[in-house]
Protein backbone atom coordinates (compact mmCIF):
# COMPACT_ATOMS: atom_id res chain seq x y z
CA MET A 1 11.50 -18.80 -1.59
CA ILE A 2 8.62 -16.99 -3.30
CA GLY A 3 6.86 -20.25 -4.16
CA ILE A 4 7.18 -21.53 -0.60
CA PHE A 5 5.61 -18.40 0.87
CA HIS A 6 2.69 -18.56 -1.54
CA ARG A 7 1.94 -22.24 -0.85
CA MET A 8 2.42 -22.60 2.87
CA THR A 9 -0.08 -21.75 5.57
CA PHE A 10 -0.79 -22.99 9.06
CA ARG A 11 -3.02 -25.96 9.73
CA GLY A 12 -6.59 -25.43 10.80
CA GLY A 13 -8.02 -22.02 11.35
CA VAL A 14 -11.54 -20.64 11.46
CA TYR A 15 -13.42 -18.97 8.61
CA LEU A 16 -15.36 -16.14 10.24
CA PRO A 17 -17.80 -13.62 8.75
CA GLU A 18 -15.64 -10.57 8.02
CA ASP A 19 -18.19 -7.76 8.42
CA LYS A 20 -15.66 -5.21 7.16
CA ASP A 21 -17.72 -3.67 4.34
CA LYS A 22 -18.99 -0.68 6.32
CA THR A 23 -15.53 0.74 7.03
CA LYS A 24 -12.99 -0.76 4.61
CA GLY A 25 -13.72 1.96 2.03
CA LEU A 26 -13.72 4.89 4.46
CA SER A 27 -10.64 7.11 4.54
CA ILE A 28 -8.75 7.90 7.74
CA GLN A 29 -10.03 11.08 9.39
CA PRO A 30 -8.46 13.20 12.16
CA ILE A 31 -10.55 13.36 15.31
CA PRO A 32 -11.51 16.76 16.77
CA ILE A 33 -9.29 18.11 19.54
CA PRO A 34 -10.81 16.95 22.84
CA GLU A 35 -11.47 19.48 25.59
CA ARG A 36 -9.66 17.32 28.13
CA ILE A 37 -7.51 14.19 28.02
CA VAL A 38 -6.25 11.77 30.66
CA ILE A 39 -2.88 10.20 29.80
CA PRO A 40 -1.78 7.21 31.92
CA LEU A 41 1.96 7.05 32.54
CA SER A 42 2.00 3.33 31.80
CA GLN A 43 1.38 2.62 28.13
CA HIS A 44 3.99 -0.09 27.73
CA THR A 45 5.56 -3.19 29.24
CA GLY A 46 8.18 -2.27 31.83
CA ALA A 47 8.81 0.45 34.38
CA ILE A 48 6.00 2.96 34.88
CA CYS A 49 6.94 6.53 34.01
CA GLU A 50 7.32 9.32 36.52
CA PRO A 51 5.59 12.63 35.70
CA LEU A 52 7.86 15.38 34.36
CA LEU A 53 5.24 18.08 34.94
CA LYS A 54 3.23 19.49 37.82
CA VAL A 55 -0.29 20.87 38.08
CA ASP A 56 -0.72 24.24 36.30
CA ASP A 57 2.23 23.62 33.95
CA LEU A 58 1.66 24.48 30.30
CA VAL A 59 2.31 21.70 27.81
CA LYS A 60 2.55 21.41 24.05
CA LYS A 61 1.74 18.62 21.63
CA GLY A 62 4.60 16.12 21.39
CA GLN A 63 6.17 17.21 24.67
CA LYS A 64 7.57 14.47 26.88
CA ILE A 65 5.45 14.35 30.05
CA GLY A 66 6.59 11.08 31.61
CA GLU A 67 9.84 9.13 31.75
CA GLY A 68 10.73 5.80 33.32
CA LYS A 69 13.90 4.38 34.81
CA GLY A 70 15.51 1.10 33.81
CA LEU A 71 16.16 -0.76 30.59
CA ILE A 72 12.60 -1.73 29.67
CA THR A 73 10.45 1.38 29.67
CA SER A 74 9.19 3.99 27.23
CA PRO A 75 8.54 7.73 27.61
CA VAL A 76 5.04 9.18 27.34
CA HIS A 77 4.18 12.34 25.40
CA SER A 78 1.25 14.74 25.27
CA SER A 79 -1.09 14.49 22.29
CA ILE A 80 -2.49 18.03 22.71
CA SER A 81 -1.37 21.46 23.88
CA GLY A 82 -2.87 22.98 27.00
CA LYS A 83 -2.57 23.05 30.78
CA VAL A 84 -2.03 20.30 33.35
CA ILE A 85 -5.02 20.34 35.69
CA ASP A 86 -4.51 17.10 37.61
CA ILE A 87 -1.96 14.38 38.35
CA SER A 88 -3.52 11.46 40.18
CA PHE A 89 -4.30 7.74 40.07
CA GLN A 90 -6.89 6.97 37.40
CA PRO A 91 -8.45 3.71 36.14
CA HIS A 92 -6.29 1.90 33.57
CA PRO A 93 -7.50 -0.49 30.83
CA LEU A 94 -5.65 -3.34 32.56
CA GLY A 95 -7.95 -2.99 35.56
CA ASN A 96 -5.73 -1.21 38.06
CA ASP A 97 -5.20 2.46 38.87
CA ILE A 98 -2.18 4.20 37.32
CA VAL A 99 -0.72 7.66 37.87
CA SER A 100 -2.14 9.75 35.04
CA ILE A 101 -1.83 13.33 33.82
CA THR A 102 -5.00 15.24 32.96
CA ILE A 103 -4.53 18.03 30.42
CA GLU A 104 -7.09 20.67 29.48
CA SER A 105 -6.80 21.71 25.84
CA ASP A 106 -6.09 25.31 24.87
CA GLY A 107 -7.56 24.62 21.43
CA LYS A 108 -4.33 25.62 19.66
CA ASP A 109 -2.85 22.14 19.13
CA GLU A 110 0.66 23.66 19.09
CA TRP A 111 3.68 21.38 18.69
CA VAL A 112 6.58 21.50 21.12
CA ASP A 113 9.23 24.03 20.06
CA ASN A 114 12.33 21.82 20.19
CA LEU A 115 10.96 19.05 17.97
CA LYS A 116 13.80 18.09 15.62
CA GLN A 117 13.51 17.01 12.02
CA ASN A 118 15.44 13.76 11.77
CA GLU A 119 18.06 13.47 9.06
CA ASP A 120 18.07 10.86 6.29
CA TYR A 121 18.05 7.50 8.05
CA LEU A 122 20.63 6.12 5.61
CA SER A 123 23.18 8.52 7.09
CA VAL A 124 22.31 7.64 10.70
CA GLU A 125 23.99 4.81 12.59
CA PRO A 126 21.69 1.98 13.79
CA GLU A 127 22.32 2.74 17.46
CA ARG A 128 21.23 6.35 16.95
CA LEU A 129 18.10 5.17 15.13
CA ARG A 130 17.25 2.99 18.15
CA GLU A 131 17.69 6.01 20.41
CA ILE A 132 15.37 8.12 18.24
CA ILE A 133 12.74 5.36 18.38
CA LYS A 134 13.12 5.15 22.16
CA GLU A 135 12.76 8.91 22.64
CA ALA A 136 9.65 8.90 20.44
CA GLY A 137 7.99 6.45 22.84
CA ILE A 138 7.19 3.92 20.13
CA VAL A 139 5.81 0.62 21.44
CA GLY A 140 4.07 -2.39 19.93
CA MET A 141 0.34 -2.17 19.25
CA GLY A 142 -0.39 -5.64 20.61
CA GLY A 143 -1.52 -6.44 24.12
CA ALA A 144 2.00 -6.39 25.58
CA GLN A 145 2.87 -2.92 24.20
CA PHE A 146 6.54 -3.89 24.29
CA PRO A 147 9.00 -1.00 23.71
CA THR A 148 10.11 -1.11 20.08
CA HIS A 149 13.71 -0.07 20.72
CA ILE A 150 14.14 -3.21 22.84
CA LYS A 151 12.68 -5.39 20.08
CA LEU A 152 15.27 -3.90 17.73
CA SER A 153 18.17 -4.78 20.05
CA PRO A 154 18.95 -8.51 19.64
CA THR A 155 20.91 -9.95 22.57
CA ASN A 156 23.78 -12.43 22.87
CA GLY A 157 24.93 -11.84 19.32
CA ASN A 158 21.73 -13.26 17.83
CA LYS A 159 21.27 -12.41 14.16
CA VAL A 160 17.94 -11.57 12.54
CA ASP A 161 17.51 -13.02 9.05
CA TYR A 162 14.15 -11.57 8.01
CA VAL A 163 11.72 -8.85 9.06
CA ILE A 164 8.00 -9.61 8.63
CA LEU A 165 5.38 -6.85 8.78
CA ASN A 166 1.98 -8.14 9.86
CA GLY A 167 -0.75 -6.69 7.66
CA ALA A 168 -3.08 -9.68 7.97
CA GLU A 169 -5.77 -7.98 10.07
CA CYS A 170 -7.74 -11.24 10.22
CA GLU A 171 -10.18 -10.15 12.94
CA PRO A 172 -13.80 -9.40 11.99
CA PHE A 173 -14.98 -5.77 11.75
CA ILE A 174 -11.64 -3.93 12.11
CA THR A 175 -10.14 -2.21 9.05
CA SER A 176 -7.65 0.26 10.54
CA ASP A 177 -4.56 -1.58 9.24
CA HIS A 178 -6.29 -1.99 5.87
CA ARG A 179 -6.82 1.74 5.49
CA LEU A 180 -3.33 2.53 6.77
CA MET A 181 -1.77 0.30 4.09
CA VAL A 182 -3.91 1.89 1.38
CA GLU A 183 -3.30 5.50 2.42
CA LYS A 184 0.18 5.41 3.99
CA SER A 185 1.88 2.68 1.96
CA SER A 186 5.05 4.65 1.18
CA GLU A 187 5.56 5.53 4.85
CA ILE A 188 5.13 1.86 5.82
CA ILE A 189 7.74 0.76 3.27
CA GLU A 190 10.12 3.43 4.52
CA GLY A 191 9.57 2.30 8.11
CA LEU A 192 10.33 -1.29 7.15
CA LYS A 193 13.56 -0.16 5.50
CA ILE A 194 14.56 1.68 8.68
CA ILE A 195 14.00 -1.50 10.72
CA MET A 196 15.99 -3.51 8.18
CA ARG A 197 18.85 -1.03 8.42
CA ILE A 198 18.88 -1.16 12.22
CA LEU A 199 19.01 -4.97 12.20
CA SER A 200 21.27 -5.32 9.13
CA VAL A 201 18.59 -7.44 7.45
CA LYS A 202 18.66 -7.92 3.69
CA LYS A 203 15.12 -9.27 3.16
CA GLY A 204 11.74 -8.10 4.40
CA PHE A 205 8.22 -9.46 3.92
CA ILE A 206 4.80 -7.85 4.26
CA GLY A 207 1.98 -10.35 4.82
CA ILE A 208 -1.53 -9.19 3.84
CA GLU A 209 -4.69 -11.29 3.63
CA LYS A 210 -5.94 -11.68 0.07
CA ASN A 211 -9.29 -10.06 0.93
CA LYS A 212 -7.48 -6.70 0.80
CA PRO A 213 -6.44 -6.48 -2.88
CA ASP A 214 -6.31 -2.67 -2.80
CA ALA A 215 -3.90 -2.78 0.15
CA ILE A 216 -1.73 -5.40 -1.56
CA LYS A 217 -1.62 -3.32 -4.74
CA ALA A 218 -0.84 -0.09 -2.86
CA MET A 219 2.02 -1.72 -0.96
CA GLN A 220 3.43 -3.29 -4.14
CA ILE A 221 3.36 0.07 -5.93
CA ALA A 222 4.99 1.80 -2.96
CA GLU A 223 7.67 -0.88 -2.75
CA TRP A 224 8.40 -0.58 -6.47
CA GLY A 225 8.72 3.20 -6.16
CA THR A 226 11.39 2.97 -3.47
CA ARG A 227 13.64 0.40 -5.15
CA ASN A 228 17.27 1.37 -5.63
CA GLY A 229 17.83 -1.31 -8.25
CA ASP A 230 16.15 -4.12 -10.13
CA LYS A 231 16.25 -6.60 -7.26
CA SER A 232 13.76 -6.02 -4.48
CA ALA A 233 14.68 -6.44 -0.83
CA ILE A 234 10.99 -6.42 0.14
CA GLU A 235 8.24 -8.82 -0.91
CA VAL A 236 4.50 -8.28 -0.46
CA VAL A 237 2.87 -11.68 0.18
CA GLY A 238 -0.84 -12.48 -0.14
CA LEU A 239 -2.06 -14.65 2.75
CA ASN A 240 -5.00 -17.06 2.98
CA VAL A 241 -8.10 -15.51 4.53
CA LYS A 242 -8.72 -17.26 7.85
CA TYR A 243 -8.48 -16.65 11.57
CA PRO A 244 -6.00 -16.33 13.31
CA GLN A 245 -3.80 -15.60 10.27
CA GLY A 246 -2.41 -12.49 11.98
CA SER A 247 -1.30 -14.29 15.14
CA GLU A 248 2.48 -14.13 15.45
CA LYS A 249 3.26 -17.86 15.37
CA GLN A 250 0.70 -18.64 12.67
CA LEU A 251 1.98 -15.81 10.48
CA ILE A 252 5.59 -16.93 10.74
């Protein structure tokens, strides 16, 4: 299996100038708290959320401010603490207008009071883990922004054999995934293990283009540090550097 993954790649591809040097060595930095934010209530595939607040309501960071009805939807949360000053249709990146909540920051950045610390995931049943992911509003970072809890719910008795994390980041200029793998490698490994537990998968892979040796090394070290025995359930795989290596079908 290991030999196959190291030899195989997709046919064709384009070799583009990377232009990643300016940012690949820069650490992740928190942005300053904005004075005002506009949060659209559609940040996912599926039913648009309904606002849970009204104008003049106070809100805290992490508080649920929108919730949708139906199977395919995902709640929306506030990223700052402050006061709701407007609920109206606002321009959306997809080109249409979406109901959005405008929040004015109070500068305190206070977290919501009832935020619970989740217990050890190994002691939590897979269905409960899916519910936690749903309540957190986690969706895919691709164009579809598909709700993650749906992705982790195979239908019709279908079984998942492997989980593949996509760390290719083959596009020119961008280095956000690169830095995340370097700085948050242990958290990524832990997240993969949670997904594997939910899906009852015994083997996971992390694909990273070979132009990110520091990310590959960081992920390998993190994986080694979380092993429960000699045999690893997770393999970090170096990928050929070409575009579109990170595209779903090409990666698989």
